[in-house]
Amino acid sequence: MADQNPASTLAPPPPSRPTFRAENNWTMRDAFMEKFHQRYPNINVTPRHDLDVILLSSLASGGPTPPWDGRMSLFDWLDNALNNLLSSYEDKTSEFHHMLAKWKPLLDEPYAIQTGIKPLPGTRNGNLIQVLPIPGSVYSVRLFPGNPLRREYCIDFVNAREEPINEPFGGGFRLWAVTDPAMPWLPSAMLRSVEEQLGLHDIDEGTEKFVVMDGQACILCRPGEQDVMFTVPIREEMPANPNVVILN
């Protein structure tokens, strides 16, 4: 057992395709797998156990070429990675189960704490995800929900295939949050992407996004074109915050 990966003997064979629940019922496990499928959209894989989920999610920060491509299968790569993870433990099987137990509570949590994970092309989830064609262009504005407890909503740009892009119109645009008379408490200012606010310069294509609040009115300004205005959806039913007592 010392040289054998517990995953190879304890886990059942993987199904052929992934299955995810609807986004409004996502767990953190679903969100971690979404990160992997956004990086490698043509690779269909269903994890055998939660440590596969963690390892696959870690690949989402890698390059466009999978590290196992041409050298080994994905599951061979996962087995090697898990062996490395367990290499310092004498009882690998015991530690394997200990790690599974440690990660399960986190991965079981409802997905409501991360803002910015982008939906796959074509995803709608009712009216929560909207794709708004921009007149006179091949691009659209896409609106998708972020953290519901903070009422955060995300904005990005997509092409005709609904693939996210960073710089529509050659970067010559400005996106403004404007005051809506019906909601004067919302801010009015030029928006900067999350990545720009973090000071990033080499931004991976398709990862840039803007974060606003539910109900925010926005204006997109393009050189030589009419400005266009849109309004971010308002989620009517918000999840209860377990740390807040409602008085009225």
C-alpha atoms as a PDB file:
ATOM      1  CA  MET A   1       0.000   0.000   0.000  1.00  0.00           C
ATOM      2  CA  ALA A   2       2.960   2.315   0.554  1.00  0.00           C
ATOM      3  CA  ASP A   3       3.431   3.039  -3.162  1.00  0.00           C
ATOM      4  CA  GLN A   4      -0.197   2.813  -4.231  1.00  0.00           C
ATOM      5  CA  ASN A   5      -2.519   5.793  -4.425  1.00  0.00           C
ATOM      6  CA  PRO A   6      -5.559   5.275  -2.177  1.00  0.00           C
ATOM      7  CA  ALA A   7      -7.677   6.991  -4.838  1.00  0.00           C
ATOM      8  CA  SER A   8      -6.951   4.145  -7.240  1.00  0.00           C
ATOM      9  CA  THR A   9      -8.296   1.489  -4.867  1.00  0.00           C
ATOM     10  CA  LEU A  10     -10.970   3.349  -2.892  1.00  0.00           C
ATOM     11  CA  ALA A  11     -12.762   5.388  -5.536  1.00  0.00           C
ATOM     12  CA  PRO A  12     -15.226   4.036  -8.118  1.00  0.00           C
ATOM     13  CA  PRO A  13     -14.566   4.569 -11.837  1.00  0.00           C
ATOM     14  CA  PRO A  14     -15.468   8.118 -12.914  1.00  0.00           C
ATOM     15  CA  PRO A  15     -18.645   8.754 -14.943  1.00  0.00           C
ATOM     16  CA  SER A  16     -18.067  10.073 -18.453  1.00  0.00           C
ATOM     17  CA  ARG A  17     -19.570  13.560 -18.095  1.00  0.00           C
ATOM     18  CA  PRO A  18     -19.926  16.142 -15.321  1.00  0.00           C
ATOM     19  CA  THR A  19     -23.265  16.893 -13.715  1.00  0.00           C
ATOM     20  CA  PHE A  20     -23.935  20.171 -11.922  1.00  0.00           C
ATOM     21  CA  ARG A  21     -26.977  21.444 -10.088  1.00  0.00           C
ATOM     22  CA  ALA A  22     -28.705  24.686 -11.035  1.00  0.00           C
ATOM     23  CA  GLU A  23     -26.567  27.677 -10.072  1.00  0.00           C
ATOM     24  CA  ASN A  24     -28.951  28.936  -7.406  1.00  0.00           C
ATOM     25  CA  ASN A  25     -28.402  25.617  -5.570  1.00  0.00           C
ATOM     26  CA  TRP A  26     -24.657  25.458  -6.081  1.00  0.00           C
ATOM     27  CA  THR A  27     -22.251  24.417  -3.387  1.00  0.00           C
ATOM     28  CA  MET A  28     -18.600  25.418  -3.182  1.00  0.00           C
ATOM     29  CA  ARG A  29     -17.855  22.019  -4.745  1.00  0.00           C
ATOM     30  CA  ASP A  30     -19.805  23.077  -7.858  1.00  0.00           C
ATOM     31  CA  ALA A  31     -18.009  26.424  -7.940  1.00  0.00           C
ATOM     32  CA  PHE A  32     -14.563  24.796  -7.726  1.00  0.00           C
ATOM     33  CA  MET A  33     -15.419  22.538 -10.673  1.00  0.00           C
ATOM     34  CA  GLU A  34     -16.754  25.501 -12.615  1.00  0.00           C
ATOM     35  CA  LYS A  35     -13.307  27.105 -12.328  1.00  0.00           C
ATOM     36  CA  PHE A  36     -11.755  24.018 -13.902  1.00  0.00           C
ATOM     37  CA  HIS A  37     -14.272  23.831 -16.753  1.00  0.00           C
ATOM     38  CA  GLN A  38     -13.820  27.509 -17.533  1.00  0.00           C
ATOM     39  CA  ARG A  39     -10.082  26.959 -17.957  1.00  0.00           C
ATOM     40  CA  TYR A  40     -10.508  23.694 -19.903  1.00  0.00           C
ATOM     41  CA  PRO A  41     -14.018  23.864 -21.467  1.00  0.00           C
ATOM     42  CA  ASN A  42     -13.412  20.901 -23.799  1.00  0.00           C
ATOM     43  CA  ILE A  43     -12.456  18.468 -21.048  1.00  0.00           C
ATOM     44  CA  ASN A  44     -15.347  16.537 -19.526  1.00  0.00           C
ATOM     45  CA  VAL A  45     -14.496  15.038 -16.169  1.00  0.00           C
ATOM     46  CA  THR A  46     -16.438  14.056 -13.071  1.00  0.00           C
ATOM     47  CA  PRO A  47     -14.301  13.926  -9.901  1.00  0.00           C
ATOM     48  CA  ARG A  48     -14.110  10.618  -8.062  1.00  0.00           C
ATOM     49  CA  HIS A  49     -13.893  12.263  -4.644  1.00  0.00           C
ATOM     50  CA  ASP A  50     -13.383  15.680  -3.082  1.00  0.00           C
ATOM     51  CA  LEU A  51      -9.592  15.662  -3.313  1.00  0.00           C
ATOM     52  CA  ASP A  52      -9.997  15.405  -7.088  1.00  0.00           C
ATOM     53  CA  VAL A  53     -12.154  18.555  -6.836  1.00  0.00           C
ATOM     54  CA  ILE A  54      -9.420  20.424  -4.950  1.00  0.00           C
ATOM     55  CA  LEU A  55      -6.675  19.326  -7.350  1.00  0.00           C
ATOM     56  CA  LEU A  56      -8.737  20.109 -10.454  1.00  0.00           C
ATOM     57  CA  SER A  57      -9.565  23.539  -9.091  1.00  0.00           C
ATOM     58  CA  SER A  58      -5.869  24.199  -8.526  1.00  0.00           C
ATOM     59  CA  LEU A  59      -5.310  23.693 -12.263  1.00  0.00           C
ATOM     60  CA  ALA A  60      -7.596  26.643 -13.049  1.00  0.00           C
ATOM     61  CA  SER A  61      -4.668  29.015 -12.467  1.00  0.00           C
ATOM     62  CA  GLY A  62      -2.498  27.197 -15.000  1.00  0.00           C
ATOM     63  CA  GLY A  63      -1.915  27.824 -18.686  1.00  0.00           C
ATOM     64  CA  PRO A  64      -4.134  26.865 -21.621  1.00  0.00           C
ATOM     65  CA  THR A  65      -2.302  23.544 -22.160  1.00  0.00           C
ATOM     66  CA  PRO A  66      -3.208  20.894 -19.552  1.00  0.00           C
ATOM     67  CA  PRO A  67      -0.113  19.585 -17.729  1.00  0.00           C
ATOM     68  CA  TRP A  68      -1.078  15.977 -18.552  1.00  0.00           C
ATOM     69  CA  ASP A  69      -1.533  16.648 -22.303  1.00  0.00           C
ATOM     70  CA  GLY A  70       0.538  14.230 -24.388  1.00  0.00           C
ATOM     71  CA  ARG A  71       2.218  12.663 -21.377  1.00  0.00           C
ATOM     72  CA  MET A  72      -0.475  11.002 -19.269  1.00  0.00           C
ATOM     73  CA  SER A  73      -4.223  10.846 -18.809  1.00  0.00           C
ATOM     74  CA  LEU A  74      -5.986  13.321 -16.549  1.00  0.00           C
ATOM     75  CA  PHE A  75      -6.655  10.666 -13.925  1.00  0.00           C
ATOM     76  CA  ASP A  76      -3.025   9.500 -14.055  1.00  0.00           C
ATOM     77  CA  TRP A  77      -2.059  13.115 -13.343  1.00  0.00           C
ATOM     78  CA  LEU A  78      -4.552  13.283 -10.462  1.00  0.00           C
ATOM     79  CA  ASP A  79      -3.221  10.021  -8.993  1.00  0.00           C
ATOM     80  CA  ASN A  80       0.365  11.303  -9.176  1.00  0.00           C
ATOM     81  CA  ALA A  81      -0.639  14.624  -7.601  1.00  0.00           C
ATOM     82  CA  LEU A  82      -2.437  12.832  -4.779  1.00  0.00           C
ATOM     83  CA  ASN A  83       0.528  10.519  -4.203  1.00  0.00           C
ATOM     84  CA  ASN A  84       2.730  13.598  -3.833  1.00  0.00           C
ATOM     85  CA  LEU A  85       0.213  15.090  -1.399  1.00  0.00           C
ATOM     86  CA  LEU A  86       0.263  11.943   0.733  1.00  0.00           C
ATOM     87  CA  SER A  87       3.955  11.110   0.333  1.00  0.00           C
ATOM     88  CA  SER A  88       5.019  12.294   3.791  1.00  0.00           C
ATOM     89  CA  TYR A  89       2.425  10.197   5.644  1.00  0.00           C
ATOM     90  CA  GLU A  90       3.108   6.638   6.759  1.00  0.00           C
ATOM     91  CA  ASP A  91      -0.535   5.560   6.697  1.00  0.00           C
ATOM     92  CA  LYS A  92      -1.658   6.999   3.374  1.00  0.00           C
ATOM     93  CA  THR A  93      -5.115   5.446   3.458  1.00  0.00           C
ATOM     94  CA  SER A  94      -5.883   6.921   6.886  1.00  0.00           C
ATOM     95  CA  GLU A  95      -4.631  10.349   5.841  1.00  0.00           C
ATOM     96  CA  PHE A  96      -6.604  10.143   2.566  1.00  0.00           C
ATOM     97  CA  HIS A  97      -9.841   9.711   4.562  1.00  0.00           C
ATOM     98  CA  HIS A  98      -8.772  12.391   7.045  1.00  0.00           C
ATOM     99  CA  MET A  99      -8.302  14.894   4.167  1.00  0.00           C
ATOM    100  CA  LEU A 100     -11.681  13.962   2.689  1.00  0.00           C
ATOM    101  CA  ALA A 101     -13.357  14.601   6.049  1.00  0.00           C
ATOM    102  CA  LYS A 102     -11.540  17.924   6.433  1.00  0.00           C
ATOM    103  CA  TRP A 103     -12.575  19.276   3.023  1.00  0.00           C
ATOM    104  CA  LYS A 104     -16.168  18.015   2.977  1.00  0.00           C
ATOM    105  CA  PRO A 105     -17.709  20.720   5.248  1.00  0.00           C
ATOM    106  CA  LEU A 106     -16.190  23.523   3.157  1.00  0.00           C
ATOM    107  CA  LEU A 107     -17.233  22.007  -0.167  1.00  0.00           C
ATOM    108  CA  ASP A 108     -20.756  21.337   1.130  1.00  0.00           C
ATOM    109  CA  GLU A 109     -21.294  25.027   1.928  1.00  0.00           C
ATOM    110  CA  PRO A 110     -23.770  26.931  -0.266  1.00  0.00           C
ATOM    111  CA  TYR A 111     -22.046  28.879  -3.005  1.00  0.00           C
ATOM    112  CA  ALA A 112     -22.679  32.445  -1.952  1.00  0.00           C
ATOM    113  CA  ILE A 113     -19.311  33.851  -0.902  1.00  0.00           C
ATOM    114  CA  GLN A 114     -17.381  34.320  -4.156  1.00  0.00           C
ATOM    115  CA  THR A 115     -18.069  37.032  -6.702  1.00  0.00           C
ATOM    116  CA  GLY A 116     -16.656  36.909 -10.210  1.00  0.00           C
ATOM    117  CA  ILE A 117     -16.762  33.255 -11.306  1.00  0.00           C
ATOM    118  CA  LYS A 118     -18.110  33.539 -14.830  1.00  0.00           C
ATOM    119  CA  PRO A 119     -20.897  31.345 -16.213  1.00  0.00           C
ATOM    120  CA  LEU A 120     -20.196  29.159 -19.225  1.00  0.00           C
ATOM    121  CA  PRO A 121     -21.297  30.452 -22.666  1.00  0.00           C
ATOM    122  CA  GLY A 122     -25.016  29.998 -23.190  1.00  0.00           C
ATOM    123  CA  THR A 123     -25.873  29.767 -19.473  1.00  0.00           C
ATOM    124  CA  ARG A 124     -28.971  31.723 -18.412  1.00  0.00           C
ATOM    125  CA  ASN A 125     -30.330  30.456 -15.039  1.00  0.00           C
ATOM    126  CA  GLY A 126     -33.702  32.100 -15.497  1.00  0.00           C
ATOM    127  CA  ASN A 127     -33.410  35.880 -15.671  1.00  0.00           C
ATOM    128  CA  LEU A 128     -30.353  36.118 -13.394  1.00  0.00           C
ATOM    129  CA  ILE A 129     -27.882  35.938 -16.303  1.00  0.00           C
ATOM    130  CA  GLN A 130     -28.590  38.384 -19.116  1.00  0.00           C
ATOM    131  CA  VAL A 131     -26.767  38.852 -22.428  1.00  0.00           C
ATOM    132  CA  LEU A 132     -27.538  42.258 -23.957  1.00  0.00           C
ATOM    133  CA  PRO A 133     -26.398  42.817 -27.595  1.00  0.00           C
ATOM    134  CA  ILE A 134     -24.621  46.139 -28.106  1.00  0.00           C
ATOM    135  CA  PRO A 135     -26.052  47.962 -31.173  1.00  0.00           C
ATOM    136  CA  GLY A 136     -23.679  48.303 -34.116  1.00  0.00           C
ATOM    137  CA  SER A 137     -21.216  45.703 -32.843  1.00  0.00           C
ATOM    138  CA  VAL A 138     -20.625  41.959 -32.558  1.00  0.00           C
ATOM    139  CA  TYR A 139     -20.317  42.225 -28.777  1.00  0.00           C
ATOM    140  CA  SER A 140     -22.779  41.979 -25.901  1.00  0.00           C
ATOM    141  CA  VAL A 141     -22.843  43.077 -22.295  1.00  0.00           C
ATOM    142  CA  ARG A 142     -23.326  40.114 -19.958  1.00  0.00           C
ATOM    143  CA  LEU A 143     -24.769  40.482 -16.466  1.00  0.00           C
ATOM    144  CA  PHE A 144     -24.360  37.646 -13.972  1.00  0.00           C
ATOM    145  CA  PRO A 145     -24.915  37.423 -10.208  1.00  0.00           C
ATOM    146  CA  GLY A 146     -22.253  37.619  -7.547  1.00  0.00           C
ATOM    147  CA  ASN A 147     -22.521  37.335  -3.773  1.00  0.00           C
ATOM    148  CA  PRO A 148     -26.236  37.641  -2.922  1.00  0.00           C
ATOM    149  CA  LEU A 149     -25.598  38.619   0.710  1.00  0.00           C
ATOM    150  CA  ARG A 150     -23.669  41.676  -0.521  1.00  0.00           C
ATOM    151  CA  ARG A 151     -26.053  42.203  -3.474  1.00  0.00           C
ATOM    152  CA  GLU A 152     -23.086  42.125  -5.844  1.00  0.00           C
ATOM    153  CA  TYR A 153     -23.602  41.734  -9.588  1.00  0.00           C
ATOM    154  CA  CYS A 154     -20.951  41.303 -12.290  1.00  0.00           C
ATOM    155  CA  ILE A 155     -20.588  42.778 -15.754  1.00  0.00           C
ATOM    156  CA  ASP A 156     -18.376  41.519 -18.559  1.00  0.00           C
ATOM    157  CA  PHE A 157     -18.308  41.542 -22.368  1.00  0.00           C
ATOM    158  CA  VAL A 158     -18.819  38.552 -24.654  1.00  0.00           C
ATOM    159  CA  ASN A 159     -18.465  37.901 -28.379  1.00  0.00           C
ATOM    160  CA  ALA A 160     -21.052  36.419 -30.744  1.00  0.00           C
ATOM    161  CA  ARG A 161     -20.398  32.947 -29.309  1.00  0.00           C
ATOM    162  CA  GLU A 162     -20.904  34.342 -25.790  1.00  0.00           C
ATOM    163  CA  GLU A 163     -17.226  33.794 -24.982  1.00  0.00           C
ATOM    164  CA  PRO A 164     -15.893  36.410 -22.551  1.00  0.00           C
ATOM    165  CA  ILE A 165     -13.398  38.987 -23.831  1.00  0.00           C
ATOM    166  CA  ASN A 166     -11.410  41.725 -22.120  1.00  0.00           C
ATOM    167  CA  GLU A 167     -11.144  44.607 -24.583  1.00  0.00           C
ATOM    168  CA  PRO A 168     -14.155  45.168 -26.842  1.00  0.00           C
ATOM    169  CA  PHE A 169     -13.805  48.066 -29.272  1.00  0.00           C
ATOM    170  CA  GLY A 170     -10.015  47.913 -28.904  1.00  0.00           C
ATOM    171  CA  GLY A 171     -10.298  49.047 -25.312  1.00  0.00           C
ATOM    172  CA  GLY A 172     -11.692  52.430 -26.366  1.00  0.00           C
ATOM    173  CA  PHE A 173     -14.735  52.447 -24.106  1.00  0.00           C
ATOM    174  CA  ARG A 174     -15.845  53.749 -20.740  1.00  0.00           C
ATOM    175  CA  LEU A 175     -18.360  52.105 -18.426  1.00  0.00           C
ATOM    176  CA  TRP A 176     -20.189  54.344 -15.987  1.00  0.00           C
ATOM    177  CA  ALA A 177     -22.403  53.602 -13.015  1.00  0.00           C
ATOM    178  CA  VAL A 178     -25.041  56.343 -13.029  1.00  0.00           C
ATOM    179  CA  THR A 179     -27.574  57.495 -10.468  1.00  0.00           C
ATOM    180  CA  ASP A 180     -31.039  56.072 -10.932  1.00  0.00           C
ATOM    181  CA  PRO A 181     -33.703  58.480  -9.570  1.00  0.00           C
ATOM    182  CA  ALA A 182     -35.557  55.462  -8.158  1.00  0.00           C
ATOM    183  CA  MET A 183     -32.449  54.356  -6.219  1.00  0.00           C
ATOM    184  CA  PRO A 184     -30.450  57.488  -5.288  1.00  0.00           C
ATOM    185  CA  TRP A 185     -28.346  55.594  -2.738  1.00  0.00           C
ATOM    186  CA  LEU A 186     -26.456  53.764  -5.496  1.00  0.00           C
ATOM    187  CA  PRO A 187     -23.161  55.403  -6.581  1.00  0.00           C
ATOM    188  CA  SER A 188     -22.387  57.339  -9.757  1.00  0.00           C
ATOM    189  CA  ALA A 189     -18.826  56.950 -11.036  1.00  0.00           C
ATOM    190  CA  MET A 190     -16.697  55.545 -13.850  1.00  0.00           C
ATOM    191  CA  LEU A 191     -16.263  51.823 -13.280  1.00  0.00           C
ATOM    192  CA  ARG A 192     -12.900  50.094 -13.196  1.00  0.00           C
ATOM    193  CA  SER A 193     -12.585  46.346 -13.573  1.00  0.00           C
ATOM    194  CA  VAL A 194     -11.690  44.210 -10.588  1.00  0.00           C
ATOM    195  CA  GLU A 195      -8.372  43.364 -12.260  1.00  0.00           C
ATOM    196  CA  GLU A 196      -7.544  47.036 -12.901  1.00  0.00           C
ATOM    197  CA  GLN A 197      -8.288  47.882  -9.288  1.00  0.00           C
ATOM    198  CA  LEU A 198      -5.856  45.132  -8.259  1.00  0.00           C
ATOM    199  CA  GLY A 199      -3.150  46.693 -10.434  1.00  0.00           C
ATOM    200  CA  LEU A 200      -2.909  43.738 -12.819  1.00  0.00           C
ATOM    201  CA  HIS A 201      -1.420  44.383 -16.262  1.00  0.00           C
ATOM    202  CA  ASP A 202      -1.184  40.980 -17.973  1.00  0.00           C
ATOM    203  CA  ILE A 203      -4.816  39.926 -17.606  1.00  0.00           C
ATOM    204  CA  ASP A 204      -5.774  36.520 -19.020  1.00  0.00           C
ATOM    205  CA  GLU A 205      -8.157  36.940 -21.944  1.00  0.00           C
ATOM    206  CA  GLY A 206     -11.794  36.661 -20.911  1.00  0.00           C
ATOM    207  CA  THR A 207     -11.220  37.016 -17.168  1.00  0.00           C
ATOM    208  CA  GLU A 208     -11.859  40.763 -16.734  1.00  0.00           C
ATOM    209  CA  LYS A 209     -15.104  41.808 -15.010  1.00  0.00           C
ATOM    210  CA  PHE A 210     -16.747  44.752 -13.286  1.00  0.00           C
ATOM    211  CA  VAL A 211     -18.652  44.519  -9.999  1.00  0.00           C
ATOM    212  CA  VAL A 212     -21.689  46.659  -9.159  1.00  0.00           C
ATOM    213  CA  MET A 213     -24.796  46.225  -6.996  1.00  0.00           C
ATOM    214  CA  ASP A 214     -28.263  44.907  -7.720  1.00  0.00           C
ATOM    215  CA  GLY A 215     -30.347  47.520  -9.551  1.00  0.00           C
ATOM    216  CA  GLN A 216     -27.386  49.663 -10.666  1.00  0.00           C
ATOM    217  CA  ALA A 217     -27.987  51.682 -13.850  1.00  0.00           C
ATOM    218  CA  CYS A 218     -24.956  51.780 -16.174  1.00  0.00           C
ATOM    219  CA  ILE A 219     -23.973  53.635 -19.355  1.00  0.00           C
ATOM    220  CA  LEU A 220     -21.485  52.255 -21.880  1.00  0.00           C
ATOM    221  CA  CYS A 221     -19.676  54.990 -23.840  1.00  0.00           C
ATOM    222  CA  ARG A 222     -17.921  54.149 -27.128  1.00  0.00           C
ATOM    223  CA  PRO A 223     -15.964  56.515 -29.384  1.00  0.00           C
ATOM    224  CA  GLY A 224     -18.022  57.561 -32.415  1.00  0.00           C
ATOM    225  CA  GLU A 225     -21.104  55.602 -31.312  1.00  0.00           C
ATOM    226  CA  GLN A 226     -24.227  56.308 -29.340  1.00  0.00           C
ATOM    227  CA  ASP A 227     -24.038  55.621 -25.631  1.00  0.00           C
ATOM    228  CA  VAL A 228     -26.093  52.669 -24.431  1.00  0.00           C
ATOM    229  CA  MET A 229     -27.744  52.273 -21.038  1.00  0.00           C
ATOM    230  CA  PHE A 230     -28.728  49.146 -19.147  1.00  0.00           C
ATOM    231  CA  THR A 231     -29.843  48.257 -15.630  1.00  0.00           C
ATOM    232  CA  VAL A 232     -28.541  45.406 -13.502  1.00  0.00           C
ATOM    233  CA  PRO A 233     -31.273  43.000 -12.287  1.00  0.00           C
ATOM    234  CA  ILE A 234     -32.599  43.090  -8.747  1.00  0.00           C
ATOM    235  CA  ARG A 235     -32.861  39.780  -6.956  1.00  0.00           C
ATOM    236  CA  GLU A 236     -36.164  39.865  -5.113  1.00  0.00           C
ATOM    237  CA  GLU A 237     -35.557  36.893  -2.835  1.00  0.00           C
ATOM    238  CA  MET A 238     -32.313  37.243  -0.925  1.00  0.00           C
ATOM    239  CA  PRO A 239     -30.911  34.498   1.335  1.00  0.00           C
ATOM    240  CA  ALA A 240     -31.039  35.184   5.047  1.00  0.00           C
ATOM    241  CA  ASN A 241     -27.738  36.127   6.655  1.00  0.00           C
ATOM    242  CA  PRO A 242     -27.354  33.805   9.680  1.00  0.00           C
ATOM    243  CA  ASN A 243     -25.272  36.487  11.457  1.00  0.00           C
ATOM    244  CA  VAL A 244     -28.028  39.134  11.304  1.00  0.00           C
ATOM    245  CA  VAL A 245     -31.218  39.333  13.389  1.00  0.00           C
ATOM    246  CA  ILE A 246     -34.091  40.975  11.476  1.00  0.00           C
ATOM    247  CA  LEU A 247     -36.073  43.454  13.610  1.00  0.00           C
ATOM    248  CA  ASN A 248     -38.842  44.438  11.162  1.00  0.00           C
END
